[in-house]
Amino acid sequence: MNRVAKVMACEAGTITLKLIKTENCQGCPLNCNQPLVDLFAMRKHTFELSLKHPQYQLHDPEGLLQHATPSEQEVRLVIDQHDLLTSSAWLYLLPLLVMLLAASAGHWAGQIMAWPVDHMALGGLLVGVAAWALVVRRKNSIKALKFRPKVTILPFIST
């Protein structure tokens, strides 16, 4: 996924960008920026990138964040689509898997103890939801799970 953005401000380790609609995007009904909106919590196509953000890895091979990048300079954002899709899949599939395993364990426990199987499966499901909620509440859960797509920022060279 490649996007062109304009530098609005640049401070130590943080850069504020505004997305620029390219010619290919004019009149397109699709919202290709939705992954960016979700990942960077964009508002009105303006967002900040930081070197120490827990939800993504910012890769700056040209050293744009170390140097005083002038305002209004255009840069290119390259987001590894494979990383983005893999991290999204794990973040959606892992809680589903935990809840499914917990419901199955409840069902199995209900059969062994001769209790109502449906009630035990529901109880297991609720335990799975509670367990996942505890994992998510940990401060560094996103870092610990290493679901961080790689975002590369490069100078924009028009062709």
C-alpha atoms as a PDB file:
ATOM      1  CA  MET A   1       0.000   0.000   0.000  1.00  0.00           C
ATOM      2  CA  ASN A   2       1.565   3.271  -1.125  1.00  0.00           C
ATOM      3  CA  ARG A   3       0.234   6.709  -0.219  1.00  0.00           C
ATOM      4  CA  VAL A   4       1.543  10.228  -0.811  1.00  0.00           C
ATOM      5  CA  ALA A   5       1.371  12.716   2.050  1.00  0.00           C
ATOM      6  CA  LYS A   6       2.482  16.267   2.742  1.00  0.00           C
ATOM      7  CA  VAL A   7       4.578  17.089   5.820  1.00  0.00           C
ATOM      8  CA  MET A   8       2.669  19.457   8.088  1.00  0.00           C
ATOM      9  CA  ALA A   9       5.139  19.456  11.014  1.00  0.00           C
ATOM     10  CA  CYS A  10       8.225  17.534  12.073  1.00  0.00           C
ATOM     11  CA  GLU A  11       9.524  17.271  15.641  1.00  0.00           C
ATOM     12  CA  ALA A  12      11.963  14.909  17.346  1.00  0.00           C
ATOM     13  CA  GLY A  13      10.778  11.416  16.430  1.00  0.00           C
ATOM     14  CA  THR A  14       7.287  12.536  15.342  1.00  0.00           C
ATOM     15  CA  ILE A  15       6.029  13.755  11.994  1.00  0.00           C
ATOM     16  CA  THR A  16       2.560  15.124  11.188  1.00  0.00           C
ATOM     17  CA  LEU A  17       1.305  14.281   7.714  1.00  0.00           C
ATOM     18  CA  LYS A  18      -1.710  15.069   5.564  1.00  0.00           C
ATOM     19  CA  LEU A  19      -2.725  12.577   2.876  1.00  0.00           C
ATOM     20  CA  ILE A  20      -2.852  13.845  -0.693  1.00  0.00           C
ATOM     21  CA  LYS A  21      -5.407  12.401  -3.084  1.00  0.00           C
ATOM     22  CA  THR A  22      -3.640  11.251  -6.217  1.00  0.00           C
ATOM     23  CA  GLU A  23      -5.121  11.416  -9.709  1.00  0.00           C
ATOM     24  CA  ASN A  24      -6.043   7.742  -9.525  1.00  0.00           C
ATOM     25  CA  CYS A  25      -8.187   8.436  -6.429  1.00  0.00           C
ATOM     26  CA  GLN A  26     -10.295  11.212  -7.935  1.00  0.00           C
ATOM     27  CA  GLY A  27     -13.882  10.025  -8.288  1.00  0.00           C
ATOM     28  CA  CYS A  28     -13.134   6.551  -6.902  1.00  0.00           C
ATOM     29  CA  PRO A  29     -15.996   5.291  -4.690  1.00  0.00           C
ATOM     30  CA  LEU A  30     -13.723   3.018  -2.634  1.00  0.00           C
ATOM     31  CA  ASN A  31     -12.176   4.195   0.616  1.00  0.00           C
ATOM     32  CA  CYS A  32      -8.653   2.794   0.284  1.00  0.00           C
ATOM     33  CA  ASN A  33      -7.550   4.890   3.245  1.00  0.00           C
ATOM     34  CA  GLN A  34      -9.685   2.870   5.695  1.00  0.00           C
ATOM     35  CA  PRO A  35      -6.697   0.758   6.888  1.00  0.00           C
ATOM     36  CA  LEU A  36      -4.828   4.027   7.509  1.00  0.00           C
ATOM     37  CA  VAL A  37      -7.789   5.476   9.389  1.00  0.00           C
ATOM     38  CA  ASP A  38      -7.916   2.374  11.586  1.00  0.00           C
ATOM     39  CA  LEU A  39      -4.169   2.148  12.159  1.00  0.00           C
ATOM     40  CA  PHE A  40      -3.356   5.821  12.733  1.00  0.00           C
ATOM     41  CA  ALA A  41      -6.714   7.112  14.059  1.00  0.00           C
ATOM     42  CA  MET A  42      -6.803   9.695  11.276  1.00  0.00           C
ATOM     43  CA  ARG A  43      -9.101  12.664  11.350  1.00  0.00           C
ATOM     44  CA  LYS A  44      -9.638  14.625   8.145  1.00  0.00           C
ATOM     45  CA  HIS A  45      -6.694  12.872   6.451  1.00  0.00           C
ATOM     46  CA  THR A  46      -4.195  14.331   8.953  1.00  0.00           C
ATOM     47  CA  PHE A  47      -2.241  12.048  11.293  1.00  0.00           C
ATOM     48  CA  GLU A  48       1.023  11.698  13.198  1.00  0.00           C
ATOM     49  CA  LEU A  49       3.700   9.063  12.840  1.00  0.00           C
ATOM     50  CA  SER A  50       5.991   8.328  15.752  1.00  0.00           C
ATOM     51  CA  LEU A  51       9.064   6.137  16.110  1.00  0.00           C
ATOM     52  CA  LYS A  52       7.856   4.658  19.413  1.00  0.00           C
ATOM     53  CA  HIS A  53       4.206   3.932  18.607  1.00  0.00           C
ATOM     54  CA  PRO A  54       2.900   0.571  19.928  1.00  0.00           C
ATOM     55  CA  GLN A  55       0.668  -0.216  16.923  1.00  0.00           C
ATOM     56  CA  TYR A  56       3.197  -0.040  14.088  1.00  0.00           C
ATOM     57  CA  GLN A  57       6.936  -0.075  13.368  1.00  0.00           C
ATOM     58  CA  LEU A  58       8.074   3.111  11.673  1.00  0.00           C
ATOM     59  CA  HIS A  59      10.999   2.530   9.338  1.00  0.00           C
ATOM     60  CA  ASP A  60      12.857   5.675   8.253  1.00  0.00           C
ATOM     61  CA  PRO A  61      15.748   4.606   5.977  1.00  0.00           C
ATOM     62  CA  GLU A  62      16.319   8.149   4.647  1.00  0.00           C
ATOM     63  CA  GLY A  63      16.480   9.713   8.132  1.00  0.00           C
ATOM     64  CA  LEU A  64      13.598  12.118   7.503  1.00  0.00           C
ATOM     65  CA  LEU A  65      12.727  12.214  11.214  1.00  0.00           C
ATOM     66  CA  GLN A  66      16.296  12.972  12.324  1.00  0.00           C
ATOM     67  CA  HIS A  67      16.698  15.895   9.931  1.00  0.00           C
ATOM     68  CA  ALA A  68      14.532  18.981   9.897  1.00  0.00           C
ATOM     69  CA  THR A  69      12.077  17.967   7.193  1.00  0.00           C
ATOM     70  CA  PRO A  70      10.611  21.136   5.695  1.00  0.00           C
ATOM     71  CA  SER A  71       6.871  21.680   5.849  1.00  0.00           C
ATOM     72  CA  GLU A  72       4.940  21.107   2.639  1.00  0.00           C
ATOM     73  CA  GLN A  73       7.501  18.507   1.465  1.00  0.00           C
ATOM     74  CA  GLU A  74       5.813  15.461  -0.014  1.00  0.00           C
ATOM     75  CA  VAL A  75       6.697  12.027   1.298  1.00  0.00           C
ATOM     76  CA  ARG A  76       5.661   8.522   0.351  1.00  0.00           C
ATOM     77  CA  LEU A  77       4.218   6.092   2.912  1.00  0.00           C
ATOM     78  CA  VAL A  78       4.759   2.437   2.159  1.00  0.00           C
ATOM     79  CA  ILE A  79       2.812   0.030   4.336  1.00  0.00           C
ATOM     80  CA  ASP A  80       3.635  -3.634   3.980  1.00  0.00           C
ATOM     81  CA  GLN A  81       0.251  -5.039   3.033  1.00  0.00           C
ATOM     82  CA  HIS A  82       1.207  -8.570   4.058  1.00  0.00           C
ATOM     83  CA  ASP A  83       2.069  -7.361   7.573  1.00  0.00           C
ATOM     84  CA  LEU A  84      -1.164  -5.384   7.782  1.00  0.00           C
ATOM     85  CA  LEU A  85      -3.312  -8.312   6.667  1.00  0.00           C
ATOM     86  CA  THR A  86      -1.470 -10.795   8.888  1.00  0.00           C
ATOM     87  CA  SER A  87      -1.716  -8.608  11.977  1.00  0.00           C
ATOM     88  CA  SER A  88      -5.410  -7.915  11.318  1.00  0.00           C
ATOM     89  CA  ALA A  89      -6.128 -11.600  10.848  1.00  0.00           C
ATOM     90  CA  TRP A  90      -4.394 -12.520  14.090  1.00  0.00           C
ATOM     91  CA  LEU A  91      -6.082  -9.739  16.032  1.00  0.00           C
ATOM     92  CA  TYR A  92      -9.500 -10.945  14.848  1.00  0.00           C
ATOM     93  CA  LEU A  93      -8.852 -14.705  14.759  1.00  0.00           C
ATOM     94  CA  LEU A  94      -6.969 -15.082  18.048  1.00  0.00           C
ATOM     95  CA  PRO A  95      -9.863 -13.931  20.290  1.00  0.00           C
ATOM     96  CA  LEU A  96     -12.271 -16.057  18.255  1.00  0.00           C
ATOM     97  CA  LEU A  97     -10.001 -19.070  18.703  1.00  0.00           C
ATOM     98  CA  VAL A  98      -9.681 -18.459  22.472  1.00  0.00           C
ATOM     99  CA  MET A  99     -13.471 -18.227  22.860  1.00  0.00           C
ATOM    100  CA  LEU A 100     -14.060 -21.306  20.703  1.00  0.00           C
ATOM    101  CA  LEU A 101     -11.544 -23.354  22.703  1.00  0.00           C
ATOM    102  CA  ALA A 102     -13.031 -22.146  26.000  1.00  0.00           C
ATOM    103  CA  ALA A 103     -16.573 -23.049  24.844  1.00  0.00           C
ATOM    104  CA  SER A 104     -15.333 -26.484  23.745  1.00  0.00           C
ATOM    105  CA  ALA A 105     -13.612 -26.993  27.096  1.00  0.00           C
ATOM    106  CA  GLY A 106     -16.856 -26.052  28.862  1.00  0.00           C
ATOM    107  CA  HIS A 107     -18.807 -28.485  26.707  1.00  0.00           C
ATOM    108  CA  TRP A 108     -16.288 -31.243  27.434  1.00  0.00           C
ATOM    109  CA  ALA A 109     -16.332 -30.492  31.173  1.00  0.00           C
ATOM    110  CA  GLY A 110     -20.141 -30.622  31.129  1.00  0.00           C
ATOM    111  CA  GLN A 111     -20.082 -34.086  29.567  1.00  0.00           C
ATOM    112  CA  ILE A 112     -17.581 -35.405  32.106  1.00  0.00           C
ATOM    113  CA  MET A 113     -19.414 -33.979  35.123  1.00  0.00           C
ATOM    114  CA  ALA A 114     -22.874 -34.854  33.739  1.00  0.00           C
ATOM    115  CA  TRP A 115     -24.013 -31.248  33.986  1.00  0.00           C
ATOM    116  CA  PRO A 116     -26.047 -29.421  31.328  1.00  0.00           C
ATOM    117  CA  VAL A 117     -23.673 -29.327  28.380  1.00  0.00           C
ATOM    118  CA  ASP A 118     -25.122 -26.155  26.846  1.00  0.00           C
ATOM    119  CA  HIS A 119     -24.819 -24.217  30.083  1.00  0.00           C
ATOM    120  CA  MET A 120     -21.237 -25.362  30.575  1.00  0.00           C
ATOM    121  CA  ALA A 121     -20.343 -24.415  26.988  1.00  0.00           C
ATOM    122  CA  LEU A 122     -21.855 -20.961  27.545  1.00  0.00           C
ATOM    123  CA  GLY A 123     -19.910 -20.664  30.803  1.00  0.00           C
ATOM    124  CA  GLY A 124     -16.728 -21.659  28.978  1.00  0.00           C
ATOM    125  CA  LEU A 125     -17.437 -19.045  26.307  1.00  0.00           C
ATOM    126  CA  LEU A 126     -17.852 -16.365  28.985  1.00  0.00           C
ATOM    127  CA  VAL A 127     -14.577 -17.470  30.606  1.00  0.00           C
ATOM    128  CA  GLY A 128     -12.905 -17.161  27.173  1.00  0.00           C
ATOM    129  CA  VAL A 129     -14.276 -13.630  26.726  1.00  0.00           C
ATOM    130  CA  ALA A 130     -13.062 -12.679  30.209  1.00  0.00           C
ATOM    131  CA  ALA A 131      -9.623 -14.199  29.550  1.00  0.00           C
ATOM    132  CA  TRP A 132      -9.270 -12.267  26.286  1.00  0.00           C
ATOM    133  CA  ALA A 133     -10.417  -9.060  27.990  1.00  0.00           C
ATOM    134  CA  LEU A 134      -7.631  -9.523  30.569  1.00  0.00           C
ATOM    135  CA  VAL A 135      -5.047 -10.009  27.804  1.00  0.00           C
ATOM    136  CA  VAL A 136      -6.211  -6.869  26.009  1.00  0.00           C
ATOM    137  CA  ARG A 137      -6.207  -4.780  29.194  1.00  0.00           C
ATOM    138  CA  ARG A 138      -2.494  -5.390  29.740  1.00  0.00           C
ATOM    139  CA  LYS A 139      -0.640  -2.203  28.876  1.00  0.00           C
ATOM    140  CA  ASN A 140       1.843  -3.794  26.497  1.00  0.00           C
ATOM    141  CA  SER A 141      -0.415  -6.459  25.017  1.00  0.00           C
ATOM    142  CA  ILE A 142      -0.072  -5.181  21.439  1.00  0.00           C
ATOM    143  CA  LYS A 143       3.722  -4.981  21.744  1.00  0.00           C
ATOM    144  CA  ALA A 144       3.907  -8.380  23.447  1.00  0.00           C
ATOM    145  CA  LEU A 145       1.878 -10.013  20.697  1.00  0.00           C
ATOM    146  CA  LYS A 146       4.090  -8.361  18.029  1.00  0.00           C
ATOM    147  CA  PHE A 147       1.193  -7.456  15.753  1.00  0.00           C
ATOM    148  CA  ARG A 148       2.817  -4.341  14.405  1.00  0.00           C
ATOM    149  CA  PRO A 149       2.803  -3.691  10.671  1.00  0.00           C
ATOM    150  CA  LYS A 150       5.884  -2.048   9.182  1.00  0.00           C
ATOM    151  CA  VAL A 151       5.407   1.505   7.868  1.00  0.00           C
ATOM    152  CA  THR A 152       8.219   2.971   5.749  1.00  0.00           C
ATOM    153  CA  ILE A 153       8.469   6.720   5.113  1.00  0.00           C
ATOM    154  CA  LEU A 154      10.419   7.819   2.035  1.00  0.00           C
ATOM    155  CA  PRO A 155      10.895  11.110   0.178  1.00  0.00           C
ATOM    156  CA  PHE A 156       8.432  11.475  -2.689  1.00  0.00           C
ATOM    157  CA  ILE A 157      10.047  11.743  -6.081  1.00  0.00           C
ATOM    158  CA  SER A 158       7.505  12.528  -8.789  1.00  0.00           C
ATOM    159  CA  THR A 159       7.885  10.728 -12.076  1.00  0.00           C
END
